[in-house]
N, C-alpha and C. Protein backbone atom coordinates (compact mmCIF):
# COMPACT_ATOMS: atom_id res chain seq x y z
N MET A 1 18.17 -57.01 -57.04
CA MET A 1 17.94 -57.15 -55.61
C MET A 1 16.92 -56.12 -55.12
N ALA A 2 17.13 -54.88 -55.53
CA ALA A 2 16.22 -53.81 -55.12
C ALA A 2 14.83 -54.03 -55.70
N LEU A 3 14.81 -54.52 -56.93
CA LEU A 3 13.52 -54.76 -57.57
C LEU A 3 12.76 -55.88 -56.85
N GLU A 4 13.49 -56.91 -56.45
CA GLU A 4 12.85 -58.00 -55.74
C GLU A 4 12.29 -57.52 -54.39
N LEU A 5 13.07 -56.65 -53.72
CA LEU A 5 12.62 -56.11 -52.42
C LEU A 5 11.36 -55.28 -52.59
N TRP A 6 11.30 -54.49 -53.66
CA TRP A 6 10.13 -53.65 -53.91
C TRP A 6 8.90 -54.51 -54.20
N GLU A 7 9.10 -55.58 -54.97
CA GLU A 7 7.99 -56.47 -55.27
C GLU A 7 7.48 -57.16 -54.00
N THR A 8 8.42 -57.55 -53.14
CA THR A 8 8.02 -58.18 -51.88
C THR A 8 7.24 -57.20 -51.00
N LEU A 9 7.69 -55.93 -50.98
CA LEU A 9 7.02 -54.90 -50.17
C LEU A 9 5.60 -54.65 -50.68
N LYS A 10 5.44 -54.60 -52.00
CA LYS A 10 4.11 -54.37 -52.56
C LYS A 10 3.16 -55.50 -52.21
N GLU A 11 3.68 -56.73 -52.28
CA GLU A 11 2.84 -57.87 -51.94
C GLU A 11 2.44 -57.82 -50.46
N ALA A 12 3.40 -57.44 -49.59
CA ALA A 12 3.10 -57.37 -48.16
C ALA A 12 2.05 -56.30 -47.87
N ILE A 13 2.15 -55.16 -48.57
CA ILE A 13 1.17 -54.09 -48.37
C ILE A 13 -0.21 -54.56 -48.79
N THR A 14 -0.27 -55.24 -49.89
CA THR A 14 -1.57 -55.71 -50.37
C THR A 14 -2.15 -56.76 -49.45
N VAL A 15 -1.28 -57.65 -48.93
CA VAL A 15 -1.77 -58.72 -48.07
C VAL A 15 -2.25 -58.19 -46.73
N TYR A 16 -1.46 -57.32 -46.11
CA TYR A 16 -1.76 -56.88 -44.73
C TYR A 16 -2.75 -55.72 -44.66
N THR A 17 -2.81 -54.89 -45.68
CA THR A 17 -3.71 -53.72 -45.64
C THR A 17 -4.89 -53.84 -46.59
N GLY A 18 -4.76 -54.66 -47.57
CA GLY A 18 -5.83 -54.77 -48.57
C GLY A 18 -5.86 -53.60 -49.51
N LEU A 19 -4.82 -52.76 -49.49
CA LEU A 19 -4.74 -51.59 -50.35
C LEU A 19 -3.64 -51.78 -51.37
N THR A 20 -3.80 -51.08 -52.45
CA THR A 20 -2.73 -51.08 -53.44
C THR A 20 -1.59 -50.23 -52.92
N PRO A 21 -0.38 -50.46 -53.37
CA PRO A 21 0.75 -49.65 -52.89
C PRO A 21 0.55 -48.16 -53.08
N SER A 22 -0.01 -47.75 -54.21
CA SER A 22 -0.22 -46.31 -54.44
C SER A 22 -1.22 -45.73 -53.44
N THR A 23 -2.30 -46.48 -53.19
CA THR A 23 -3.29 -46.01 -52.20
C THR A 23 -2.69 -45.95 -50.81
N PHE A 24 -1.89 -46.94 -50.47
CA PHE A 24 -1.27 -46.99 -49.15
C PHE A 24 -0.38 -45.78 -48.91
N PHE A 25 0.47 -45.47 -49.88
CA PHE A 25 1.38 -44.32 -49.70
C PHE A 25 0.63 -42.99 -49.74
N THR A 26 -0.48 -42.97 -50.48
CA THR A 26 -1.31 -41.74 -50.49
C THR A 26 -1.91 -41.49 -49.11
N VAL A 27 -2.40 -42.56 -48.48
CA VAL A 27 -2.97 -42.43 -47.12
C VAL A 27 -1.90 -41.96 -46.14
N ILE A 28 -0.69 -42.51 -46.25
CA ILE A 28 0.39 -42.08 -45.35
C ILE A 28 0.71 -40.61 -45.56
N ALA A 29 0.76 -40.17 -46.82
CA ALA A 29 1.06 -38.76 -47.10
C ALA A 29 -0.01 -37.84 -46.54
N LEU A 30 -1.28 -38.25 -46.71
CA LEU A 30 -2.37 -37.43 -46.17
C LEU A 30 -2.32 -37.38 -44.65
N GLY A 31 -1.99 -38.49 -44.01
CA GLY A 31 -1.88 -38.50 -42.55
C GLY A 31 -0.79 -37.59 -42.05
N LEU A 32 0.36 -37.61 -42.72
CA LEU A 32 1.46 -36.72 -42.33
C LEU A 32 1.08 -35.26 -42.53
N ALA A 33 0.39 -34.97 -43.63
CA ALA A 33 -0.04 -33.59 -43.88
C ALA A 33 -1.02 -33.12 -42.82
N ALA A 34 -1.96 -34.00 -42.45
CA ALA A 34 -2.94 -33.63 -41.42
C ALA A 34 -2.25 -33.40 -40.08
N TYR A 35 -1.30 -34.24 -39.75
CA TYR A 35 -0.56 -34.07 -38.49
C TYR A 35 0.20 -32.75 -38.47
N TYR A 36 0.79 -32.39 -39.59
CA TYR A 36 1.54 -31.14 -39.67
C TYR A 36 0.62 -29.94 -39.48
N VAL A 37 -0.56 -30.01 -40.13
CA VAL A 37 -1.51 -28.88 -40.02
C VAL A 37 -2.00 -28.73 -38.58
N VAL A 38 -2.37 -29.84 -37.94
CA VAL A 38 -2.87 -29.79 -36.57
C VAL A 38 -1.81 -29.29 -35.61
N SER A 39 -0.59 -29.78 -35.78
CA SER A 39 0.50 -29.35 -34.89
C SER A 39 0.80 -27.87 -35.06
N GLU A 40 0.67 -27.36 -36.29
CA GLU A 40 0.90 -25.94 -36.52
C GLU A 40 -0.19 -25.10 -35.86
N LEU A 41 -1.43 -25.58 -35.95
CA LEU A 41 -2.53 -24.82 -35.35
C LEU A 41 -2.39 -24.71 -33.84
N PHE A 42 -2.21 -25.83 -33.17
CA PHE A 42 -2.13 -25.82 -31.70
C PHE A 42 -0.78 -25.32 -31.22
N GLY A 43 0.25 -25.69 -31.91
CA GLY A 43 1.57 -25.20 -31.51
C GLY A 43 1.72 -23.72 -31.73
N GLY A 44 1.15 -23.21 -32.85
CA GLY A 44 1.23 -21.79 -33.13
C GLY A 44 0.45 -20.97 -32.13
N SER A 45 -0.70 -21.49 -31.65
CA SER A 45 -1.50 -20.76 -30.66
C SER A 45 -0.73 -20.60 -29.36
N ASP A 46 -0.01 -21.65 -28.96
CA ASP A 46 0.79 -21.56 -27.74
C ASP A 46 1.86 -20.50 -27.89
N GLN A 47 2.48 -20.46 -29.04
CA GLN A 47 3.52 -19.46 -29.26
C GLN A 47 2.93 -18.06 -29.27
N GLN A 48 1.70 -17.93 -29.84
CA GLN A 48 1.07 -16.62 -29.87
C GLN A 48 0.75 -16.13 -28.47
N TYR A 49 0.36 -17.06 -27.57
CA TYR A 49 0.07 -16.66 -26.20
C TYR A 49 1.35 -16.37 -25.43
N GLN A 50 2.39 -17.10 -25.75
CA GLN A 50 3.64 -16.93 -25.02
C GLN A 50 4.31 -15.61 -25.39
N ARG A 51 4.18 -15.21 -26.64
CA ARG A 51 4.85 -13.98 -27.07
C ARG A 51 4.32 -12.75 -26.34
N PRO A 52 2.98 -12.56 -26.22
CA PRO A 52 2.51 -11.41 -25.44
C PRO A 52 2.96 -11.46 -23.99
N ARG A 53 2.98 -12.67 -23.41
CA ARG A 53 3.42 -12.77 -22.03
C ARG A 53 4.88 -12.36 -21.89
N GLU A 54 5.70 -12.82 -22.84
CA GLU A 54 7.10 -12.43 -22.80
C GLU A 54 7.25 -10.93 -22.98
N ALA A 55 6.42 -10.36 -23.86
CA ALA A 55 6.48 -8.91 -24.07
C ALA A 55 6.07 -8.16 -22.81
N GLU A 56 5.03 -8.67 -22.10
CA GLU A 56 4.61 -8.03 -20.86
C GLU A 56 5.70 -8.10 -19.81
N GLN A 57 6.36 -9.24 -19.72
CA GLN A 57 7.43 -9.39 -18.75
C GLN A 57 8.58 -8.45 -19.05
N GLN A 58 8.84 -8.23 -20.34
CA GLN A 58 9.91 -7.31 -20.70
C GLN A 58 9.52 -5.87 -20.40
N GLU A 59 8.21 -5.56 -20.55
CA GLU A 59 7.76 -4.19 -20.30
C GLU A 59 7.79 -3.85 -18.81
N VAL A 60 7.52 -4.83 -17.94
CA VAL A 60 7.52 -4.58 -16.50
C VAL A 60 8.95 -4.43 -16.01
N GLU A 61 9.32 -3.23 -15.67
CA GLU A 61 10.67 -2.96 -15.21
C GLU A 61 10.75 -3.18 -13.70
N PRO A 62 11.91 -3.57 -13.22
CA PRO A 62 12.05 -3.75 -11.76
C PRO A 62 11.89 -2.42 -11.04
N LEU A 63 11.33 -2.49 -9.84
CA LEU A 63 11.09 -1.27 -9.06
C LEU A 63 12.42 -0.68 -8.60
N PRO A 64 12.56 0.63 -8.71
CA PRO A 64 13.78 1.26 -8.20
C PRO A 64 13.81 1.20 -6.68
N PRO A 65 14.99 1.28 -6.09
CA PRO A 65 15.06 1.24 -4.62
C PRO A 65 14.36 2.45 -4.01
N PRO A 66 13.75 2.30 -2.84
CA PRO A 66 13.05 3.43 -2.20
C PRO A 66 13.99 4.60 -1.95
N VAL A 67 13.46 5.80 -2.16
CA VAL A 67 14.23 7.03 -1.95
C VAL A 67 13.77 7.68 -0.66
N GLN A 68 14.71 7.98 0.23
CA GLN A 68 14.38 8.63 1.49
C GLN A 68 14.04 10.09 1.25
N LEU A 69 12.86 10.50 1.68
CA LEU A 69 12.40 11.88 1.48
C LEU A 69 12.68 12.77 2.68
N GLY A 70 12.82 12.17 3.84
CA GLY A 70 12.99 12.98 5.04
C GLY A 70 11.65 13.51 5.53
N GLU A 71 11.62 14.78 5.88
CA GLU A 71 10.40 15.40 6.41
C GLU A 71 9.73 16.21 5.31
N VAL A 72 8.50 15.87 4.98
CA VAL A 72 7.75 16.58 3.93
C VAL A 72 6.38 16.98 4.46
N THR A 73 5.78 17.93 3.81
CA THR A 73 4.45 18.38 4.20
C THR A 73 3.39 17.47 3.56
N GLU A 74 2.17 17.57 4.07
CA GLU A 74 1.07 16.78 3.50
C GLU A 74 0.80 17.20 2.06
N GLU A 75 1.03 18.47 1.75
CA GLU A 75 0.82 18.95 0.39
C GLU A 75 1.84 18.33 -0.56
N ASP A 76 3.09 18.20 -0.10
CA ASP A 76 4.12 17.57 -0.93
C ASP A 76 3.85 16.08 -1.12
N LEU A 77 3.25 15.46 -0.13
CA LEU A 77 2.97 14.02 -0.20
C LEU A 77 1.94 13.69 -1.28
N LYS A 78 1.08 14.65 -1.61
CA LYS A 78 0.01 14.41 -2.59
C LYS A 78 0.55 14.06 -3.98
N GLN A 79 1.76 14.51 -4.31
CA GLN A 79 2.30 14.25 -5.64
C GLN A 79 2.76 12.81 -5.82
N TYR A 80 2.71 12.02 -4.73
CA TYR A 80 3.12 10.61 -4.80
C TYR A 80 1.90 9.69 -4.68
N ASP A 81 0.80 10.09 -5.32
CA ASP A 81 -0.44 9.31 -5.23
C ASP A 81 -0.58 8.29 -6.36
N GLY A 82 0.44 8.16 -7.20
CA GLY A 82 0.42 7.16 -8.26
C GLY A 82 0.02 7.68 -9.62
N THR A 83 -0.41 8.93 -9.72
CA THR A 83 -0.78 9.48 -11.02
C THR A 83 0.43 9.62 -11.93
N ASP A 84 1.59 9.86 -11.36
CA ASP A 84 2.84 9.92 -12.12
C ASP A 84 3.57 8.60 -11.92
N ALA A 85 3.61 7.77 -12.96
CA ALA A 85 4.21 6.44 -12.85
C ALA A 85 5.71 6.49 -12.59
N LYS A 86 6.33 7.63 -12.87
CA LYS A 86 7.78 7.74 -12.66
C LYS A 86 8.14 8.00 -11.20
N LYS A 87 7.14 8.40 -10.41
CA LYS A 87 7.39 8.69 -9.00
C LYS A 87 6.94 7.51 -8.14
N PRO A 88 7.57 7.33 -6.99
CA PRO A 88 7.16 6.23 -6.11
C PRO A 88 5.75 6.46 -5.56
N LEU A 89 5.12 5.38 -5.18
CA LEU A 89 3.77 5.43 -4.61
C LEU A 89 3.91 5.42 -3.09
N LEU A 90 3.49 6.51 -2.46
CA LEU A 90 3.70 6.68 -1.02
C LEU A 90 2.37 6.81 -0.28
N MET A 91 2.43 6.47 0.99
CA MET A 91 1.26 6.56 1.86
C MET A 91 1.76 6.68 3.30
N ALA A 92 1.00 7.37 4.13
CA ALA A 92 1.44 7.61 5.50
C ALA A 92 0.44 7.06 6.51
N ILE A 93 0.99 6.59 7.62
CA ILE A 93 0.19 6.16 8.77
C ILE A 93 0.80 6.78 10.02
N LYS A 94 -0.02 7.53 10.76
CA LYS A 94 0.42 8.17 12.01
C LYS A 94 1.68 9.00 11.79
N GLY A 95 1.69 9.71 10.65
CA GLY A 95 2.78 10.62 10.36
C GLY A 95 4.01 9.97 9.76
N GLN A 96 4.04 8.65 9.62
CA GLN A 96 5.18 7.93 9.06
C GLN A 96 4.87 7.56 7.61
N ILE A 97 5.77 7.92 6.70
CA ILE A 97 5.54 7.72 5.27
C ILE A 97 6.20 6.42 4.82
N TYR A 98 5.46 5.62 4.05
CA TYR A 98 5.96 4.33 3.56
C TYR A 98 5.86 4.27 2.04
N ASP A 99 6.82 3.57 1.43
CA ASP A 99 6.81 3.36 -0.02
C ASP A 99 6.03 2.08 -0.31
N VAL A 100 4.85 2.23 -0.92
CA VAL A 100 3.98 1.08 -1.21
C VAL A 100 3.95 0.79 -2.71
N SER A 101 5.03 1.13 -3.41
CA SER A 101 5.08 0.94 -4.86
C SER A 101 4.92 -0.52 -5.24
N GLN A 102 5.39 -1.44 -4.40
CA GLN A 102 5.29 -2.86 -4.73
C GLN A 102 3.85 -3.36 -4.69
N SER A 103 2.95 -2.59 -4.09
CA SER A 103 1.52 -2.95 -4.03
C SER A 103 0.69 -1.96 -4.83
N ARG A 104 1.22 -1.58 -5.99
CA ARG A 104 0.52 -0.60 -6.83
C ARG A 104 -0.86 -1.09 -7.25
N MET A 105 -1.04 -2.40 -7.35
CA MET A 105 -2.34 -2.93 -7.75
C MET A 105 -3.41 -2.66 -6.69
N PHE A 106 -2.98 -2.41 -5.44
CA PHE A 106 -3.93 -2.10 -4.37
C PHE A 106 -4.06 -0.60 -4.14
N TYR A 107 -2.91 0.11 -4.11
CA TYR A 107 -2.91 1.52 -3.75
C TYR A 107 -2.74 2.45 -4.94
N GLY A 108 -2.45 1.89 -6.12
CA GLY A 108 -2.31 2.72 -7.30
C GLY A 108 -3.64 3.08 -7.91
N PRO A 109 -3.63 3.89 -8.98
CA PRO A 109 -4.89 4.29 -9.63
C PRO A 109 -5.70 3.07 -10.05
N GLY A 110 -6.97 3.07 -9.69
CA GLY A 110 -7.85 1.95 -10.00
C GLY A 110 -7.87 0.86 -8.96
N GLY A 111 -6.98 0.93 -7.97
CA GLY A 111 -6.93 -0.08 -6.93
C GLY A 111 -7.99 0.16 -5.86
N PRO A 112 -8.25 -0.85 -5.02
CA PRO A 112 -9.30 -0.70 -4.00
C PRO A 112 -8.96 0.34 -2.93
N TYR A 113 -7.67 0.60 -2.71
CA TYR A 113 -7.26 1.57 -1.69
C TYR A 113 -6.57 2.78 -2.31
N ALA A 114 -6.91 3.09 -3.55
CA ALA A 114 -6.25 4.20 -4.25
C ALA A 114 -6.48 5.54 -3.56
N LEU A 115 -7.61 5.68 -2.85
CA LEU A 115 -7.91 6.94 -2.17
C LEU A 115 -6.90 7.24 -1.07
N PHE A 116 -6.25 6.22 -0.53
CA PHE A 116 -5.33 6.43 0.58
C PHE A 116 -3.94 6.87 0.13
N ALA A 117 -3.61 6.68 -1.15
CA ALA A 117 -2.28 7.00 -1.65
C ALA A 117 -2.05 8.50 -1.65
N GLY A 118 -0.83 8.89 -1.30
CA GLY A 118 -0.47 10.30 -1.28
C GLY A 118 -1.04 11.05 -0.09
N LYS A 119 -1.51 10.33 0.91
CA LYS A 119 -2.13 10.97 2.08
C LYS A 119 -1.73 10.23 3.35
N ASP A 120 -1.95 10.90 4.48
CA ASP A 120 -1.92 10.22 5.77
C ASP A 120 -3.36 9.80 6.05
N ALA A 121 -3.65 8.54 5.82
CA ALA A 121 -5.02 8.04 5.92
C ALA A 121 -5.25 7.27 7.21
N SER A 122 -4.63 7.73 8.29
CA SER A 122 -4.72 7.00 9.55
C SER A 122 -6.16 6.84 10.01
N ARG A 123 -6.91 7.92 9.98
CA ARG A 123 -8.30 7.86 10.46
C ARG A 123 -9.15 6.94 9.58
N ALA A 124 -8.95 7.02 8.28
CA ALA A 124 -9.73 6.18 7.36
C ALA A 124 -9.41 4.70 7.56
N LEU A 125 -8.13 4.39 7.79
CA LEU A 125 -7.75 2.99 8.01
C LEU A 125 -8.32 2.48 9.33
N ALA A 126 -8.29 3.32 10.34
CA ALA A 126 -8.81 2.90 11.64
C ALA A 126 -10.30 2.60 11.57
N LYS A 127 -11.03 3.41 10.82
CA LYS A 127 -12.48 3.25 10.71
C LYS A 127 -12.89 2.43 9.49
N MET A 128 -11.90 2.05 8.65
CA MET A 128 -12.17 1.38 7.38
C MET A 128 -13.22 2.17 6.61
N SER A 129 -12.93 3.46 6.49
CA SER A 129 -13.85 4.38 5.84
C SER A 129 -13.22 4.90 4.55
N PHE A 130 -14.05 5.13 3.55
CA PHE A 130 -13.59 5.69 2.29
C PHE A 130 -14.17 7.09 2.07
N GLU A 131 -14.67 7.69 3.14
CA GLU A 131 -15.22 9.04 3.04
C GLU A 131 -14.09 10.06 3.04
N GLU A 132 -14.30 11.13 2.29
CA GLU A 132 -13.28 12.16 2.13
C GLU A 132 -12.91 12.79 3.47
N LYS A 133 -13.88 12.94 4.36
CA LYS A 133 -13.60 13.59 5.64
C LYS A 133 -12.67 12.76 6.53
N ASP A 134 -12.60 11.45 6.28
CA ASP A 134 -11.75 10.58 7.10
C ASP A 134 -10.35 10.39 6.52
N LEU A 135 -10.07 10.98 5.37
CA LEU A 135 -8.74 10.85 4.76
C LEU A 135 -7.81 11.86 5.39
N THR A 136 -7.49 11.64 6.65
CA THR A 136 -6.66 12.57 7.41
C THR A 136 -5.85 11.80 8.44
N GLY A 137 -4.82 12.46 8.94
CA GLY A 137 -4.00 11.85 9.98
C GLY A 137 -4.50 12.14 11.38
N ASP A 138 -5.60 12.88 11.49
CA ASP A 138 -6.16 13.21 12.80
C ASP A 138 -6.90 11.99 13.36
N ILE A 139 -6.41 11.45 14.46
CA ILE A 139 -7.04 10.26 15.06
C ILE A 139 -7.69 10.58 16.39
N SER A 140 -7.94 11.86 16.65
CA SER A 140 -8.59 12.23 17.90
C SER A 140 -10.03 11.75 17.90
N GLY A 141 -10.50 11.29 19.06
CA GLY A 141 -11.88 10.84 19.20
C GLY A 141 -12.14 9.42 18.76
N LEU A 142 -11.11 8.68 18.36
CA LEU A 142 -11.31 7.29 17.95
C LEU A 142 -11.47 6.40 19.17
N GLY A 143 -12.25 5.35 19.03
CA GLY A 143 -12.47 4.40 20.11
C GLY A 143 -11.34 3.39 20.21
N PRO A 144 -11.32 2.58 21.26
CA PRO A 144 -10.25 1.61 21.47
C PRO A 144 -10.15 0.57 20.36
N PHE A 145 -11.28 0.13 19.83
CA PHE A 145 -11.25 -0.87 18.75
C PHE A 145 -10.69 -0.27 17.47
N GLU A 146 -11.03 0.99 17.21
CA GLU A 146 -10.50 1.65 16.02
C GLU A 146 -9.01 1.90 16.14
N LEU A 147 -8.56 2.27 17.32
CA LEU A 147 -7.13 2.47 17.54
C LEU A 147 -6.37 1.15 17.42
N GLU A 148 -6.99 0.08 17.87
CA GLU A 148 -6.36 -1.24 17.75
C GLU A 148 -6.25 -1.65 16.27
N ALA A 149 -7.29 -1.36 15.50
CA ALA A 149 -7.25 -1.66 14.07
C ALA A 149 -6.16 -0.85 13.38
N LEU A 150 -6.02 0.40 13.78
CA LEU A 150 -4.98 1.25 13.21
C LEU A 150 -3.59 0.72 13.56
N GLN A 151 -3.45 0.22 14.79
CA GLN A 151 -2.17 -0.34 15.22
C GLN A 151 -1.81 -1.56 14.37
N ASP A 152 -2.80 -2.37 14.04
CA ASP A 152 -2.56 -3.54 13.19
C ASP A 152 -2.09 -3.11 11.80
N TRP A 153 -2.71 -2.07 11.26
CA TRP A 153 -2.28 -1.55 9.97
C TRP A 153 -0.85 -1.05 10.04
N GLU A 154 -0.52 -0.36 11.11
CA GLU A 154 0.84 0.18 11.25
C GLU A 154 1.87 -0.95 11.32
N TYR A 155 1.58 -2.00 12.08
CA TYR A 155 2.49 -3.14 12.16
C TYR A 155 2.68 -3.78 10.79
N LYS A 156 1.59 -3.87 10.04
CA LYS A 156 1.66 -4.46 8.71
C LYS A 156 2.56 -3.64 7.80
N PHE A 157 2.41 -2.33 7.84
CA PHE A 157 3.22 -1.47 6.99
C PHE A 157 4.69 -1.50 7.43
N MET A 158 4.92 -1.53 8.72
CA MET A 158 6.30 -1.56 9.22
C MET A 158 7.02 -2.82 8.79
N SER A 159 6.31 -3.94 8.72
CA SER A 159 6.93 -5.21 8.37
C SER A 159 7.05 -5.43 6.86
N LYS A 160 6.19 -4.77 6.07
CA LYS A 160 6.15 -5.04 4.64
C LYS A 160 6.79 -3.96 3.79
N TYR A 161 6.68 -2.69 4.20
CA TYR A 161 7.14 -1.59 3.37
C TYR A 161 8.29 -0.83 4.05
N VAL A 162 9.00 -0.08 3.21
CA VAL A 162 10.14 0.70 3.70
C VAL A 162 9.67 2.10 4.08
N LYS A 163 10.06 2.52 5.26
CA LYS A 163 9.74 3.88 5.69
C LYS A 163 10.69 4.85 5.01
N VAL A 164 10.13 5.88 4.37
CA VAL A 164 10.96 6.80 3.59
C VAL A 164 10.89 8.23 4.10
N GLY A 165 10.13 8.49 5.15
CA GLY A 165 10.07 9.85 5.66
C GLY A 165 8.97 10.03 6.69
N THR A 166 8.80 11.28 7.09
CA THR A 166 7.76 11.64 8.05
C THR A 166 7.04 12.89 7.55
N ILE A 167 5.83 13.09 8.04
CA ILE A 167 5.06 14.27 7.66
C ILE A 167 5.42 15.43 8.57
N LYS A 168 5.73 16.53 7.97
CA LYS A 168 6.10 17.73 8.72
C LYS A 168 4.85 18.37 9.30
N LYS A 169 4.87 18.61 10.60
CA LYS A 169 3.72 19.23 11.25
C LYS A 169 3.64 20.69 10.87
N SER A 170 2.41 21.19 10.77
CA SER A 170 2.21 22.59 10.46
C SER A 170 2.59 23.45 11.65
N VAL A 171 2.74 24.75 11.41
CA VAL A 171 3.14 25.67 12.48
C VAL A 171 2.11 25.69 13.59
N ALA A 172 0.83 25.64 13.21
CA ALA A 172 -0.24 25.67 14.22
C ALA A 172 -0.17 24.46 15.13
N GLU A 173 0.07 23.28 14.54
CA GLU A 173 0.14 22.06 15.34
C GLU A 173 1.36 22.07 16.24
N SER A 174 2.49 22.56 15.72
CA SER A 174 3.70 22.57 16.52
C SER A 174 3.63 23.58 17.65
N ASP A 175 2.82 24.64 17.47
CA ASP A 175 2.69 25.66 18.52
C ASP A 175 1.68 25.26 19.58
N GLU A 176 0.82 24.30 19.29
CA GLU A 176 -0.22 23.92 20.25
C GLU A 176 0.36 23.35 21.52
N ALA A 177 1.38 22.50 21.38
CA ALA A 177 1.97 21.86 22.56
C ALA A 177 2.59 22.88 23.51
N PRO A 178 3.45 23.82 23.02
CA PRO A 178 3.98 24.82 23.95
C PRO A 178 2.90 25.67 24.59
N LYS A 179 1.83 25.99 23.82
CA LYS A 179 0.76 26.81 24.38
C LYS A 179 0.06 26.06 25.50
N CYS A 180 -0.20 24.79 25.28
CA CYS A 180 -0.86 23.99 26.32
C CYS A 180 0.01 23.90 27.56
N GLU A 181 1.32 23.70 27.32
CA GLU A 181 2.22 23.59 28.46
C GLU A 181 2.29 24.90 29.23
N SER A 182 2.33 26.03 28.51
CA SER A 182 2.39 27.32 29.19
C SER A 182 1.10 27.60 29.95
N ALA A 183 -0.05 27.19 29.36
CA ALA A 183 -1.33 27.39 30.04
C ALA A 183 -1.40 26.57 31.32
N GLU A 184 -0.93 25.32 31.25
CA GLU A 184 -0.93 24.48 32.44
C GLU A 184 0.01 25.03 33.50
N ALA A 185 1.16 25.54 33.04
CA ALA A 185 2.11 26.12 33.99
C ALA A 185 1.52 27.35 34.67
N ALA A 186 0.79 28.17 33.89
CA ALA A 186 0.16 29.36 34.46
C ALA A 186 -0.89 28.98 35.49
N LYS A 187 -1.67 27.93 35.20
CA LYS A 187 -2.67 27.47 36.16
C LYS A 187 -2.00 26.99 37.45
N GLU A 188 -0.91 26.27 37.31
CA GLU A 188 -0.20 25.79 38.49
C GLU A 188 0.34 26.94 39.32
N ASP A 189 0.87 27.98 38.63
CA ASP A 189 1.38 29.15 39.35
C ASP A 189 0.26 29.87 40.10
N ASP A 190 -0.91 30.01 39.43
CA ASP A 190 -2.04 30.68 40.10
C ASP A 190 -2.49 29.89 41.31
N GLY A 191 -2.52 28.57 41.18
CA GLY A 191 -2.91 27.74 42.31
C GLY A 191 -1.94 27.86 43.46
N ALA A 192 -0.65 27.93 43.13
CA ALA A 192 0.36 28.06 44.18
C ALA A 192 0.23 29.40 44.89
N LYS A 193 -0.04 30.47 44.12
CA LYS A 193 -0.18 31.79 44.73
C LYS A 193 -1.40 31.82 45.66
N GLN A 194 -2.51 31.22 45.19
CA GLN A 194 -3.71 31.22 46.02
C GLN A 194 -3.49 30.44 47.31
N SER A 195 -2.77 29.34 47.23
CA SER A 195 -2.51 28.55 48.44
C SER A 195 -1.61 29.30 49.40
N GLU A 196 -0.69 30.12 48.86
CA GLU A 196 0.19 30.91 49.72
C GLU A 196 -0.55 32.08 50.35
N GLU A 197 -1.44 32.75 49.59
CA GLU A 197 -2.14 33.92 50.09
C GLU A 197 -3.30 33.55 51.00
N GLY A 198 -3.84 32.37 50.89
CA GLY A 198 -5.02 31.97 51.66
C GLY A 198 -4.83 32.06 53.15
N PRO A 199 -3.85 31.40 53.77
CA PRO A 199 -3.68 31.43 55.23
C PRO A 199 -3.40 32.82 55.77
N SER A 200 -2.60 33.65 55.05
CA SER A 200 -2.27 34.98 55.55
C SER A 200 -3.50 35.86 55.61
N SER A 201 -4.38 35.76 54.55
CA SER A 201 -5.58 36.60 54.55
C SER A 201 -6.53 36.19 55.66
N VAL A 202 -6.61 34.87 55.92
CA VAL A 202 -7.47 34.41 57.01
C VAL A 202 -6.94 34.88 58.34
N GLY A 203 -5.63 34.86 58.50
CA GLY A 203 -5.02 35.29 59.76
C GLY A 203 -5.27 36.74 60.03
N THR A 204 -5.16 37.57 59.03
CA THR A 204 -5.37 39.00 59.22
C THR A 204 -6.81 39.31 59.56
N SER A 205 -7.75 38.53 58.98
CA SER A 205 -9.16 38.80 59.26
C SER A 205 -9.52 38.37 60.66
N GLU A 206 -8.88 37.33 61.21
CA GLU A 206 -9.22 36.84 62.53
C GLU A 206 -8.50 37.62 63.63
N THR A 207 -7.40 38.27 63.32
CA THR A 207 -6.65 39.03 64.33
C THR A 207 -7.35 40.34 64.60
N PRO A 208 -7.72 40.66 65.84
CA PRO A 208 -8.42 41.92 66.14
C PRO A 208 -7.50 43.11 66.00
N ALA A 209 -8.06 44.22 65.67
CA ALA A 209 -7.28 45.44 65.53
C ALA A 209 -6.80 45.91 66.88
N ALA A 210 -5.76 46.76 66.85
CA ALA A 210 -5.16 47.24 68.10
C ALA A 210 -6.15 48.08 68.89
N GLY A 211 -6.95 48.91 68.21
CA GLY A 211 -7.92 49.77 68.89
C GLY A 211 -8.99 48.96 69.58
N GLU A 212 -9.45 47.91 68.99
CA GLU A 212 -10.50 47.09 69.57
C GLU A 212 -10.00 46.41 70.83
N THR A 213 -8.75 46.03 70.88
CA THR A 213 -8.20 45.37 72.07
C THR A 213 -8.15 46.33 73.25
N LYS A 214 -7.78 47.59 72.96
CA LYS A 214 -7.69 48.57 74.03
C LYS A 214 -9.07 48.89 74.58
N GLU A 215 -10.08 48.99 73.71
CA GLU A 215 -11.42 49.33 74.18
C GLU A 215 -11.95 48.28 75.13
N GLU A 216 -11.64 47.02 74.86
CA GLU A 216 -12.08 45.96 75.75
C GLU A 216 -11.37 46.07 77.09
């Protein structure tokens, strides 16, 4: 029975393909081998690309939660400029410090705004300047359009990043306000004294002396 089936199969192969049974099976074997080689080449390349991606994803660790710093000086803020990958990436606007670690590609080393990290860059943001002299929190003398631009930056940071502290004012800055207030108070006191002394001095000058009245 099996022999008859094999003979029938050989005849069918010869009739429909025009090939001998040995040639027919050789062609099938070569086709399977070629398919295996091609699938290994293209399939292996996909796996090779996927493995580095998986490795990169494993290397990227989740960001730690923001740490509240409280009040720090501008000098202390400089250590959070991104040079130390173990420390958070911080930046300040108008004295308010924000954790911008999630945008390290922008504010970290090599990023377009890396100069602003670890500093209060309010003036630079308002003017969209990258000059060293503008990397400061001093916004005195800015125009209305620059102040409006700075306000937009502040709103953006408030909505996107976590505030982790404030910049501690220096002794000179903290003393300026009381000095100004005392100076203004002194001016007001002097003005009040002059207004009080003015009418009395005029009155004494206009009032004739007792001797002059008698002579008349």
